[in-house]
Amino acid sequence: MKRILSGIKPSGDLNIGGYAGALSQFVKYQHEFDSFFFVPDLHAVTVAQDPKELHQRSREIAAYYVAAGIDPEKATIFLQSQVPAHAELGWIMETQAHFGELNRMTQFKEKSDGKEGVSASLFTYPALMASDILLYQATHVPVGEDQTQHLELTRDLANRFNSRFGTTFTVPEAIVQDIGARVMGLDDPHKKMSKSNPNKASYILMLDEPAAIRKKFSRAVTDSDGQVRYDWESKPAVSNLIELYSLFGEVSTEDVERRFDGQGYGAFKKELAEVVIAKLEPIQQRFHEIVNSAELDEILKRGARKANEEAGKTLLAAKKAMGFVTFD
């Protein structure tokens, strides 16, 4: 069976871009793939984290997985730090990666630009990301437009290792999402929706209350054209809102255009808010039920056992291939 692996980093409060670009897709993929959805908490510490916040946010991401509709009986949900093979294979992948390859990673350049005391892990973490994928012999990996570079490195490392030491890793294929892969700010369609934006009206958090959601959408920028038309080239702000309606309302962008033909932006934004609220309310309810529960603990323990079993087989094969002394 085809296998997929993906995760959401536990750094900051999750906004609806995380639902559009990840959670909604995970729910769909679990029916099409042997699915491994993890919380990449080791990646979170490439920058300084408050221990209490890291602990709570890691639980929150796992809770969102379940609350959004991922079935723990169907998919494997686990914390990266609970599977030691990630760090060990991450080191092995560092030995295969070239300095120049890591130096070309745009995310490192963006996150380190103008900063002093940058952690070395921020430079090498693409090797750990490659190990995340390769450990589970994932055949497919969903990627946003800002992550394609990392998957290409993963593919290069897998091919390089297989060429040097014998076929060990599956070379994964990318799944590129057409709609909702990159949700933009409600105040600026040229900037990704982010909680780091000082304008709180620019983003909608997964736990925002209905009144806040309605207010933020009512203030969302559009344009002077007045037509609800999907065209990123000439109408980026409106197109961003149409994609949100499409994802949260589970309809096509063409259906959205037809529904609001001739109605203007006021009616469109008002109904968009209700569509988002209708999707978020049951997720919020389930999230609050499970986030600090023993039920979530058990889900993560089961997931860690399954992940360790799968990852251990791959790690052993890689170590044998490289010539390390191993004992089965």
Protein backbone atom coordinates (compact mmCIF):
# COMPACT_ATOMS: atom_id res chain seq x y z
CA MET A 1 0.00 0.00 0.00
CA LYS A 2 1.15 3.55 -0.66
CA ARG A 3 2.44 5.25 2.49
CA ILE A 4 2.35 8.92 3.44
CA LEU A 5 4.11 10.88 6.18
CA SER A 6 3.56 14.46 7.27
CA GLY A 7 3.39 16.66 10.35
CA ILE A 8 2.78 20.12 11.77
CA LYS A 9 5.51 21.74 13.84
CA PRO A 10 4.42 22.72 17.39
CA SER A 11 5.58 26.33 17.27
CA GLY A 12 2.90 28.90 17.99
CA ASP A 13 -0.89 28.83 17.89
CA LEU A 14 -2.34 27.12 14.83
CA ASN A 15 -4.25 29.30 12.37
CA ILE A 16 -6.73 28.20 9.71
CA GLY A 17 -3.92 27.95 7.20
CA GLY A 18 -2.85 24.86 9.13
CA TYR A 19 -6.29 23.36 8.62
CA ALA A 20 -6.46 24.28 4.94
CA GLY A 21 -2.96 23.19 4.02
CA ALA A 22 -2.50 20.23 6.37
CA LEU A 23 -5.27 18.97 8.65
CA SER A 24 -8.01 18.81 6.02
CA GLN A 25 -5.63 16.98 3.71
CA PHE A 26 -4.53 14.52 6.41
CA VAL A 27 -8.16 13.56 7.02
CA LYS A 28 -8.54 12.80 3.32
CA TYR A 29 -5.21 10.99 2.95
CA GLN A 30 -5.88 8.54 5.78
CA HIS A 31 -8.38 6.78 3.49
CA GLU A 32 -5.97 6.61 0.56
CA PHE A 33 -2.63 5.79 2.21
CA ASP A 34 -1.02 3.91 5.06
CA SER A 35 -0.66 7.13 7.05
CA PHE A 36 1.91 8.35 9.58
CA PHE A 37 1.15 11.80 11.04
CA PHE A 38 3.68 13.05 13.57
CA VAL A 39 4.41 16.08 15.70
CA PRO A 40 7.93 17.25 14.73
CA ASP A 41 8.90 18.53 18.15
CA LEU A 42 12.63 18.00 17.48
CA HIS A 43 12.35 20.48 14.63
CA ALA A 44 10.70 23.01 16.92
CA VAL A 45 13.83 23.34 19.06
CA THR A 46 16.02 24.60 16.22
CA VAL A 47 15.02 27.93 17.79
CA ALA A 48 14.69 28.54 21.53
CA GLN A 49 11.48 27.18 23.07
CA ASP A 50 9.99 27.57 26.53
CA PRO A 51 9.80 23.97 27.87
CA LYS A 52 6.26 24.35 29.20
CA GLU A 53 5.04 25.86 25.94
CA LEU A 54 6.73 23.16 23.86
CA HIS A 55 5.12 20.47 26.01
CA GLN A 56 1.64 21.98 25.71
CA ARG A 57 1.86 22.88 22.03
CA SER A 58 3.02 19.37 21.16
CA ARG A 59 -0.07 17.97 22.84
CA GLU A 60 -2.20 20.56 21.08
CA ILE A 61 -1.01 19.60 17.60
CA ALA A 62 -1.69 15.93 18.34
CA ALA A 63 -5.13 16.89 19.68
CA TYR A 64 -5.88 18.85 16.50
CA TYR A 65 -5.10 15.75 14.45
CA VAL A 66 -7.75 13.77 16.31
CA ALA A 67 -10.23 16.65 16.57
CA ALA A 68 -10.06 17.32 12.84
CA GLY A 69 -11.04 13.73 12.08
CA ILE A 70 -7.91 11.60 11.87
CA ASP A 71 -8.78 8.14 13.16
CA PRO A 72 -6.02 6.73 15.43
CA GLU A 73 -7.20 3.24 14.49
CA LYS A 74 -6.53 4.02 10.84
CA ALA A 75 -3.51 6.34 10.98
CA THR A 76 -0.43 6.36 13.21
CA ILE A 77 -0.18 9.53 15.32
CA PHE A 78 3.03 10.07 17.29
CA LEU A 79 5.59 12.51 18.66
CA GLN A 80 8.92 12.67 16.83
CA SER A 81 10.91 12.81 20.06
CA GLN A 82 9.38 9.50 21.17
CA VAL A 83 11.16 7.70 18.31
CA PRO A 84 14.95 7.87 18.83
CA ALA A 85 15.60 6.56 15.31
CA HIS A 86 14.77 10.02 13.93
CA ALA A 87 17.81 11.58 15.57
CA GLU A 88 20.08 8.64 14.75
CA LEU A 89 19.17 8.48 11.07
CA GLY A 90 19.28 12.27 11.03
CA TRP A 91 22.99 12.06 11.87
CA ILE A 92 23.51 9.44 9.16
CA MET A 93 21.80 11.72 6.66
CA GLU A 94 24.09 14.57 7.73
CA THR A 95 27.04 12.41 6.69
CA GLN A 96 25.50 12.06 3.24
CA ALA A 97 24.46 15.70 2.77
CA HIS A 98 26.87 18.22 1.29
CA PHE A 99 27.55 21.58 2.90
CA GLY A 100 26.61 23.37 -0.30
CA GLU A 101 23.23 21.61 -0.43
CA LEU A 102 22.34 22.70 3.08
CA ASN A 103 23.65 26.18 2.46
CA ARG A 104 21.22 26.62 -0.44
CA MET A 105 18.14 25.94 1.70
CA THR A 106 16.08 29.12 1.53
CA GLN A 107 14.39 28.61 4.92
CA PHE A 108 17.77 28.66 6.67
CA LYS A 109 18.64 31.90 4.93
CA GLU A 110 15.31 33.48 5.87
CA LYS A 111 15.33 32.38 9.52
CA SER A 112 18.98 33.21 10.16
CA ASP A 113 19.15 36.50 8.29
CA GLY A 114 20.39 39.29 10.54
CA LYS A 115 20.44 37.12 13.67
CA GLU A 116 23.34 36.35 15.98
CA GLY A 117 23.87 33.05 17.76
CA VAL A 118 21.95 30.95 15.24
CA SER A 119 21.77 27.29 16.25
CA ALA A 120 23.74 24.84 14.08
CA SER A 121 20.60 22.69 14.03
CA LEU A 122 18.85 25.36 11.98
CA PHE A 123 21.42 24.69 9.28
CA THR A 124 21.38 20.88 9.44
CA TYR A 125 17.70 20.19 10.13
CA PRO A 126 16.88 19.37 6.48
CA ALA A 127 18.91 16.19 7.04
CA LEU A 128 16.66 15.37 10.01
CA MET A 129 13.62 16.14 7.86
CA ALA A 130 14.92 13.68 5.28
CA SER A 131 15.30 11.04 7.98
CA ASP A 132 11.70 11.64 9.10
CA ILE A 133 10.48 10.68 5.66
CA LEU A 134 12.93 7.90 4.84
CA LEU A 135 12.52 6.08 8.15
CA TYR A 136 8.97 5.08 7.25
CA GLN A 137 9.67 4.28 3.59
CA ALA A 138 7.09 6.89 2.66
CA THR A 139 6.07 6.71 -0.98
CA HIS A 140 4.40 10.12 -0.92
CA VAL A 141 4.87 13.37 1.01
CA PRO A 142 2.47 16.35 0.84
CA VAL A 143 4.45 19.55 0.41
CA GLY A 144 3.66 23.23 0.25
CA GLU A 145 5.43 25.51 -2.15
CA ASP A 146 7.90 26.49 0.58
CA GLN A 147 8.94 22.87 1.21
CA THR A 148 9.58 21.47 -2.25
CA GLN A 149 13.28 22.23 -1.86
CA HIS A 150 13.47 20.04 1.25
CA LEU A 151 11.77 17.12 -0.45
CA GLU A 152 14.16 17.38 -3.38
CA LEU A 153 17.05 17.13 -0.93
CA THR A 154 15.40 14.07 0.64
CA ARG A 155 15.13 12.45 -2.77
CA ASP A 156 18.76 13.29 -3.53
CA LEU A 157 19.95 11.81 -0.22
CA ALA A 158 17.90 8.65 -0.70
CA ASN A 159 19.28 8.13 -4.20
CA ARG A 160 22.83 8.90 -3.05
CA PHE A 161 22.62 6.43 -0.17
CA ASN A 162 21.04 3.74 -2.33
CA SER A 163 23.76 4.22 -4.96
CA ARG A 164 26.61 4.03 -2.43
CA PHE A 165 25.37 1.30 -0.11
CA GLY A 166 22.63 -0.61 -1.94
CA THR A 167 18.91 0.00 -2.17
CA THR A 168 17.72 0.85 1.33
CA PHE A 169 15.28 3.74 1.09
CA THR A 170 12.12 4.38 -0.89
CA VAL A 171 12.50 7.55 -2.95
CA PRO A 172 9.34 9.57 -2.13
CA GLU A 173 7.09 11.45 -4.52
CA ALA A 174 5.63 14.87 -3.78
CA ILE A 175 1.93 15.55 -3.44
CA VAL A 176 1.36 19.19 -4.32
CA GLN A 177 -1.95 20.61 -3.16
CA ASP A 178 -3.69 22.88 -5.66
CA ILE A 179 -6.12 24.71 -3.36
CA GLY A 180 -5.23 26.00 0.10
CA ALA A 181 -1.56 25.07 0.05
CA ARG A 182 -0.65 28.59 1.11
CA VAL A 183 -3.29 30.68 2.89
CA MET A 184 -2.47 34.37 2.80
CA GLY A 185 -3.11 37.11 5.34
CA LEU A 186 -6.53 38.74 5.44
CA ASP A 187 -4.82 42.12 5.38
CA ASP A 188 -2.29 41.38 2.63
CA PRO A 189 -2.70 38.64 -0.01
CA HIS A 190 1.03 38.73 -0.70
CA LYS A 191 2.07 37.58 2.77
CA LYS A 192 1.39 34.17 4.27
CA MET A 193 -1.14 34.10 7.13
CA SER A 194 0.92 34.15 10.31
CA LYS A 195 0.44 34.85 13.99
CA SER A 196 3.70 36.80 13.91
CA ASN A 197 1.85 39.54 12.03
CA PRO A 198 1.23 42.36 14.55
CA ASN A 199 -2.19 42.94 12.95
CA LYS A 200 -4.40 40.42 14.76
CA ALA A 201 -7.11 40.89 12.15
CA SER A 202 -4.80 39.34 9.54
CA TYR A 203 -5.19 35.78 10.79
CA ILE A 204 -7.86 33.48 12.18
CA LEU A 205 -6.78 31.01 14.84
CA MET A 206 -8.25 27.53 15.07
CA LEU A 207 -9.64 28.41 18.50
CA ASP A 208 -11.05 31.84 17.64
CA GLU A 209 -14.64 32.38 18.76
CA PRO A 210 -17.41 32.98 16.20
CA ALA A 211 -17.68 36.71 16.95
CA ALA A 212 -13.95 37.20 16.33
CA ILE A 213 -14.10 35.20 13.08
CA ARG A 214 -17.03 37.24 11.76
CA LYS A 215 -15.28 40.50 12.63
CA LYS A 216 -11.98 39.49 11.00
CA PHE A 217 -13.61 38.35 7.76
CA SER A 218 -15.69 41.52 7.61
CA ARG A 219 -12.43 43.50 7.66
CA ALA A 220 -10.61 41.29 5.14
CA VAL A 221 -9.20 43.28 2.23
CA THR A 222 -10.68 42.69 -1.23
CA ASP A 223 -10.49 45.08 -4.20
CA SER A 224 -12.59 47.69 -5.97
CA ASP A 225 -13.87 45.33 -8.67
CA GLY A 226 -16.80 44.00 -6.63
CA GLN A 227 -16.87 40.59 -8.35
CA VAL A 228 -16.35 37.28 -6.56
CA ARG A 229 -14.03 35.87 -9.20
CA TYR A 230 -11.15 33.42 -8.83
CA ASP A 231 -8.07 34.98 -10.45
CA TRP A 232 -4.82 35.07 -8.49
CA GLU A 233 -3.14 37.23 -11.11
CA SER A 234 -5.49 40.21 -10.89
CA LYS A 235 -7.57 39.45 -7.74
CA PRO A 236 -5.26 37.84 -5.14
CA ALA A 237 -7.17 38.98 -2.05
CA VAL A 238 -10.52 37.71 -3.32
CA SER A 239 -8.95 34.52 -4.65
CA ASN A 240 -7.51 33.82 -1.19
CA LEU A 241 -10.98 34.12 0.33
CA ILE A 242 -12.49 31.94 -2.39
CA GLU A 243 -9.96 29.20 -1.64
CA LEU A 244 -10.89 29.36 2.04
CA TYR A 245 -14.58 29.04 1.18
CA SER A 246 -13.78 26.14 -1.16
CA LEU A 247 -11.85 24.22 1.51
CA PHE A 248 -14.05 24.90 4.49
CA GLY A 249 -17.27 24.57 2.51
CA GLU A 250 -16.02 21.54 0.55
CA VAL A 251 -17.07 22.97 -2.81
CA SER A 252 -15.13 23.92 -5.93
CA THR A 253 -13.90 27.44 -6.61
CA GLU A 254 -16.24 27.46 -9.62
CA ASP A 255 -19.18 26.71 -7.32
CA VAL A 256 -18.19 29.64 -5.11
CA GLU A 257 -18.06 31.97 -8.11
CA ARG A 258 -21.50 30.84 -9.30
CA ARG A 259 -23.02 31.10 -5.82
CA PHE A 260 -22.01 34.72 -5.36
CA ASP A 261 -22.29 35.93 -8.91
CA GLY A 262 -23.53 39.51 -8.76
CA GLN A 263 -23.84 39.59 -4.95
CA GLY A 264 -20.75 41.60 -4.05
CA TYR A 265 -18.22 41.12 -1.29
CA GLY A 266 -20.41 41.84 1.74
CA ALA A 267 -22.64 38.79 1.32
CA PHE A 268 -19.66 36.67 0.31
CA LYS A 269 -17.56 37.52 3.37
CA LYS A 270 -20.53 37.10 5.70
CA GLU A 271 -21.28 33.59 4.43
CA LEU A 272 -17.59 32.68 4.33
CA ALA A 273 -17.40 33.42 8.05
CA GLU A 274 -20.34 31.11 8.74
CA VAL A 275 -18.81 28.30 6.65
CA VAL A 276 -15.54 28.54 8.59
CA ILE A 277 -17.36 28.70 11.94
CA ALA A 278 -19.45 25.63 11.07
CA LYS A 279 -16.28 23.65 10.34
CA LEU A 280 -14.30 24.89 13.35
CA GLU A 281 -16.90 24.55 16.12
CA PRO A 282 -16.95 20.71 16.30
CA ILE A 283 -13.16 20.65 15.97
CA GLN A 284 -12.84 23.11 18.84
CA GLN A 285 -15.20 21.08 21.01
CA ARG A 286 -13.35 17.82 20.40
CA PHE A 287 -9.99 19.57 20.85
CA HIS A 288 -10.93 20.81 24.33
CA GLU A 289 -12.18 17.34 25.27
CA ILE A 290 -8.99 15.55 24.34
CA VAL A 291 -6.01 17.91 24.58
CA ASN A 292 -5.14 17.18 28.22
CA SER A 293 -6.78 13.78 28.46
CA ALA A 294 -5.57 10.26 29.18
CA GLU A 295 -7.16 9.33 25.86
CA LEU A 296 -4.60 11.43 24.00
CA ASP A 297 -1.80 9.93 26.08
CA GLU A 298 -2.88 6.44 25.03
CA ILE A 299 -3.14 7.44 21.36
CA LEU A 300 0.40 8.82 21.44
CA LYS A 301 1.77 5.79 23.28
CA ARG A 302 0.25 3.42 20.73
CA GLY A 303 1.49 5.58 17.91
CA ALA A 304 5.02 5.65 19.33
CA ARG A 305 5.09 1.86 19.59
CA LYS A 306 4.03 1.46 15.96
CA ALA A 307 6.40 4.20 14.76
CA ASN A 308 9.35 2.75 16.68
CA GLU A 309 8.69 -0.66 15.17
CA GLU A 310 8.60 0.67 11.61
CA ALA A 311 11.48 3.11 12.05
CA GLY A 312 13.66 0.53 13.77
CA LYS A 313 13.53 -1.79 10.76
CA THR A 314 14.68 0.94 8.41
CA LEU A 315 17.40 2.21 10.73
CA LEU A 316 18.80 -1.31 11.16
CA ALA A 317 18.88 -1.82 7.40
CA ALA A 318 20.68 1.52 6.90
CA LYS A 319 23.29 0.76 9.57
CA LYS A 320 23.94 -2.69 8.12
CA ALA A 321 24.32 -1.21 4.66
CA MET A 322 26.92 1.30 5.92
CA GLY A 323 28.92 -1.39 7.68
CA PHE A 324 28.08 -0.75 11.32
CA VAL A 325 28.22 -3.75 13.60
CA THR A 326 24.60 -4.74 14.34
CA PHE A 327 22.89 -7.53 16.26
CA ASP A 328 19.39 -8.44 15.14
